[in-house]
Structures are given as structure tokens and as C-alpha cells.
Amino acid sequence: MPASDFLEDEILDHIFSAATFTAGVTLHVGLSTATITDSTTGTSVTEPSAAYARVAVTNNATEWPASSGGTKSNANAINFPTPTSGGWGLVTDFFIADASSAGNIYVYGALTISKTINEADTVSFAVGDLDLTVT
């Protein structure tokens, strides 16, 4: 899965310059209605509206158990608020950021299947469905 330009720089500086990088205590899983790229930021990402909010997930080994074979997955369901007012439109991508709004995107990816989210739909990543890999 791709890392943002922000995270790539943080990792390189951390590993090769011994610079300090402290990951957030809480991560925020978000959705996007437009393609995310390495240069997309927490401010420029195109998120849904109509009762949408990023979902806060504690950044620890309980929520994100140890990786295996280069993959880490969510241990608990990640449930978004119920869409209102006509829904969220076509959701194509997801991301993990360090803030509930704006902030820095760490990693991102395209959904396996883009989905039109209508009013009152249930939107979630089931246990183990949000797979994070390093390529």
C-alpha cells in the first residue's frame, strides 16, 4: 500500500538520520470520493459530507495486532457514521491519517470495489478487512 509523501519522508529521516518520529496515539480512518496520491494531504483529500466523519482508532497492538508476512490488519470493525441527506456518493479510496480533520495522511489505497454510499447505508471495514501491507 502506498505511503504519503509525508510518511515517506518521516520514515527515511527516522531510519537514516535517527530523526524522531512519533506516530499518533490515535489514528483516523477516512474515505475519499476522489483518487488519493502520494501528495494528497489531510487538507486536500476529497471526503464525503452528509454526516461523514473519520473514525478514530487507538494506535496500539490491540487494535492493530502484530504484522505477519508484511501485512497488518484491523482487529476490530471500523464503523463509520450513518450517511444522511442523500448519502456520500461514489467512494473510491480510503486513508489513515493522524488527525480527525486536516492533519497528515500516513497511508492510503483504492477500495477493491468502489461503492456508491446512499443515505442510511451501513459503512464499515469488518475485522481483518483493512489490510495494510508494505511493498
Protein backbone atom coordinates (compact mmCIF):
# COMPACT_ATOMS: atom_id res chain seq x y z
CA MET A 1 0.00 0.00 0.00
CA PRO A 2 1.31 3.43 -0.80
CA ALA A 3 2.59 5.79 1.86
CA SER A 4 2.07 9.52 1.54
CA ASP A 5 4.99 11.81 0.73
CA PHE A 6 4.73 12.97 4.36
CA LEU A 7 5.19 9.47 5.80
CA GLU A 8 7.89 8.51 3.29
CA ASP A 9 9.98 11.49 4.40
CA GLU A 10 9.36 10.74 8.09
CA ILE A 11 10.40 7.09 7.69
CA LEU A 12 13.55 7.93 5.71
CA ASP A 13 14.60 10.61 8.20
CA HIS A 14 13.84 8.29 11.13
CA ILE A 15 15.82 5.35 9.76
CA PHE A 16 18.70 7.13 8.04
CA SER A 17 19.13 10.28 10.13
CA ALA A 18 18.00 8.97 13.52
CA ALA A 19 15.36 11.71 13.49
CA THR A 20 12.48 11.25 15.89
CA PHE A 21 9.11 10.22 14.50
CA THR A 22 6.26 9.67 16.90
CA ALA A 23 3.16 8.10 15.44
CA GLY A 24 -0.17 9.40 16.70
CA VAL A 25 -1.76 7.74 19.72
CA THR A 26 -5.00 7.77 17.75
CA LEU A 27 -5.24 7.09 14.03
CA HIS A 28 -8.18 8.25 11.90
CA VAL A 29 -9.54 6.07 9.11
CA GLY A 30 -11.18 8.07 6.33
CA LEU A 31 -12.85 7.65 2.97
CA SER A 32 -12.43 9.62 -0.22
CA THR A 33 -14.61 10.29 -3.24
CA ALA A 34 -11.55 11.00 -5.40
CA THR A 35 -8.31 9.19 -6.12
CA ILE A 36 -5.64 9.75 -3.47
CA THR A 37 -1.98 10.15 -4.48
CA ASP A 38 1.30 10.40 -2.58
CA SER A 39 0.97 14.18 -2.50
CA THR A 40 -2.62 14.23 -1.19
CA THR A 41 -2.74 15.75 2.30
CA GLY A 42 -5.27 15.64 5.09
CA THR A 43 -6.41 19.05 3.89
CA SER A 44 -6.63 18.29 0.16
CA VAL A 45 -8.32 14.86 0.36
CA THR A 46 -11.88 14.84 -1.03
CA GLU A 47 -14.07 13.39 1.72
CA PRO A 48 -17.82 12.75 1.70
CA SER A 49 -20.26 15.02 3.50
CA ALA A 50 -23.74 14.37 4.98
CA ALA A 51 -22.87 13.14 8.50
CA TYR A 52 -19.46 11.77 7.46
CA ALA A 53 -16.56 11.71 9.89
CA ARG A 54 -13.23 9.93 10.03
CA VAL A 55 -13.23 7.04 12.50
CA ALA A 56 -10.81 7.24 15.43
CA VAL A 57 -8.88 4.03 16.13
CA THR A 58 -6.45 3.71 19.02
CA ASN A 59 -2.95 3.10 17.69
CA ASN A 60 -1.91 0.04 19.67
CA ALA A 61 -1.31 -3.70 19.34
CA THR A 62 -4.87 -4.48 20.46
CA GLU A 63 -6.44 -2.58 17.55
CA TRP A 64 -3.61 -3.34 15.10
CA PRO A 65 -2.10 -6.74 16.09
CA ALA A 66 1.46 -7.67 15.11
CA SER A 67 2.09 -7.86 11.40
CA SER A 68 2.69 -11.18 9.73
CA GLY A 69 4.17 -11.71 6.30
CA GLY A 70 4.36 -7.95 5.70
CA THR A 71 0.65 -7.37 6.42
CA LYS A 72 -1.18 -5.80 9.35
CA SER A 73 -4.99 -5.80 9.69
CA ASN A 74 -7.62 -4.22 11.91
CA ALA A 75 -8.61 -6.34 14.94
CA ASN A 76 -11.99 -4.66 15.38
CA ALA A 77 -14.66 -3.41 13.00
CA ILE A 78 -14.21 0.19 11.86
CA ASN A 79 -17.72 1.65 11.70
CA PHE A 80 -18.46 4.98 10.04
CA PRO A 81 -21.43 7.19 10.96
CA THR A 82 -24.66 6.52 9.08
CA PRO A 83 -24.87 8.71 5.95
CA THR A 84 -27.71 11.23 5.78
CA SER A 85 -29.06 13.72 3.25
CA GLY A 86 -28.73 11.62 0.11
CA GLY A 87 -25.58 9.72 1.06
CA TRP A 88 -21.92 10.17 0.25
CA GLY A 89 -21.74 9.46 -3.46
CA LEU A 90 -19.16 7.17 -5.01
CA VAL A 91 -16.42 6.31 -2.50
CA THR A 92 -13.23 5.11 -4.21
CA ASP A 93 -10.37 5.29 -1.72
CA PHE A 94 -9.52 5.03 1.97
CA PHE A 95 -6.73 6.52 4.06
CA ILE A 96 -5.30 6.60 7.55
CA ALA A 97 -4.37 9.98 8.97
CA ASP A 98 -3.05 11.44 12.20
CA ALA A 99 -6.00 13.78 12.80
CA SER A 100 -9.80 13.79 12.75
CA SER A 101 -9.68 16.56 10.14
CA ALA A 102 -6.85 18.02 8.07
CA GLY A 103 -3.62 16.58 9.52
CA ASN A 104 -1.29 14.24 7.65
CA ILE A 105 -2.23 11.18 5.67
CA TYR A 106 0.03 8.22 6.53
CA VAL A 107 -1.13 5.55 4.09
CA TYR A 108 -3.90 5.19 1.53
CA GLY A 109 -5.32 2.86 -1.06
CA ALA A 110 -8.09 2.29 -3.53
CA LEU A 111 -11.03 0.24 -2.35
CA THR A 112 -11.17 -3.18 -4.00
CA ILE A 113 -14.59 -2.16 -5.33
CA SER A 114 -15.71 1.48 -5.44
CA LYS A 115 -19.13 1.86 -3.84
CA THR A 116 -21.92 4.40 -4.03
CA ILE A 117 -22.89 5.11 -0.44
CA ASN A 118 -26.56 6.00 -0.11
CA GLU A 119 -28.46 7.58 2.76
CA ALA A 120 -28.80 5.16 5.73
CA ASP A 121 -26.25 2.63 4.34
CA THR A 122 -24.00 0.80 6.80
CA VAL A 123 -20.39 1.68 6.09
CA SER A 124 -17.63 -0.28 7.77
CA PHE A 125 -14.47 -2.31 7.46
CA ALA A 126 -15.11 -5.70 9.08
CA VAL A 127 -12.49 -7.30 11.33
CA GLY A 128 -9.43 -8.08 9.23
CA ASP A 129 -10.73 -6.32 6.11
CA LEU A 130 -8.45 -3.29 6.26
CA ASP A 131 -5.14 -4.85 5.24
CA LEU A 132 -2.00 -2.73 5.45
CA THR A 133 0.99 -4.01 3.51
CA VAL A 134 4.47 -2.74 2.81
CA THR A 135 5.55 -3.20 -0.77
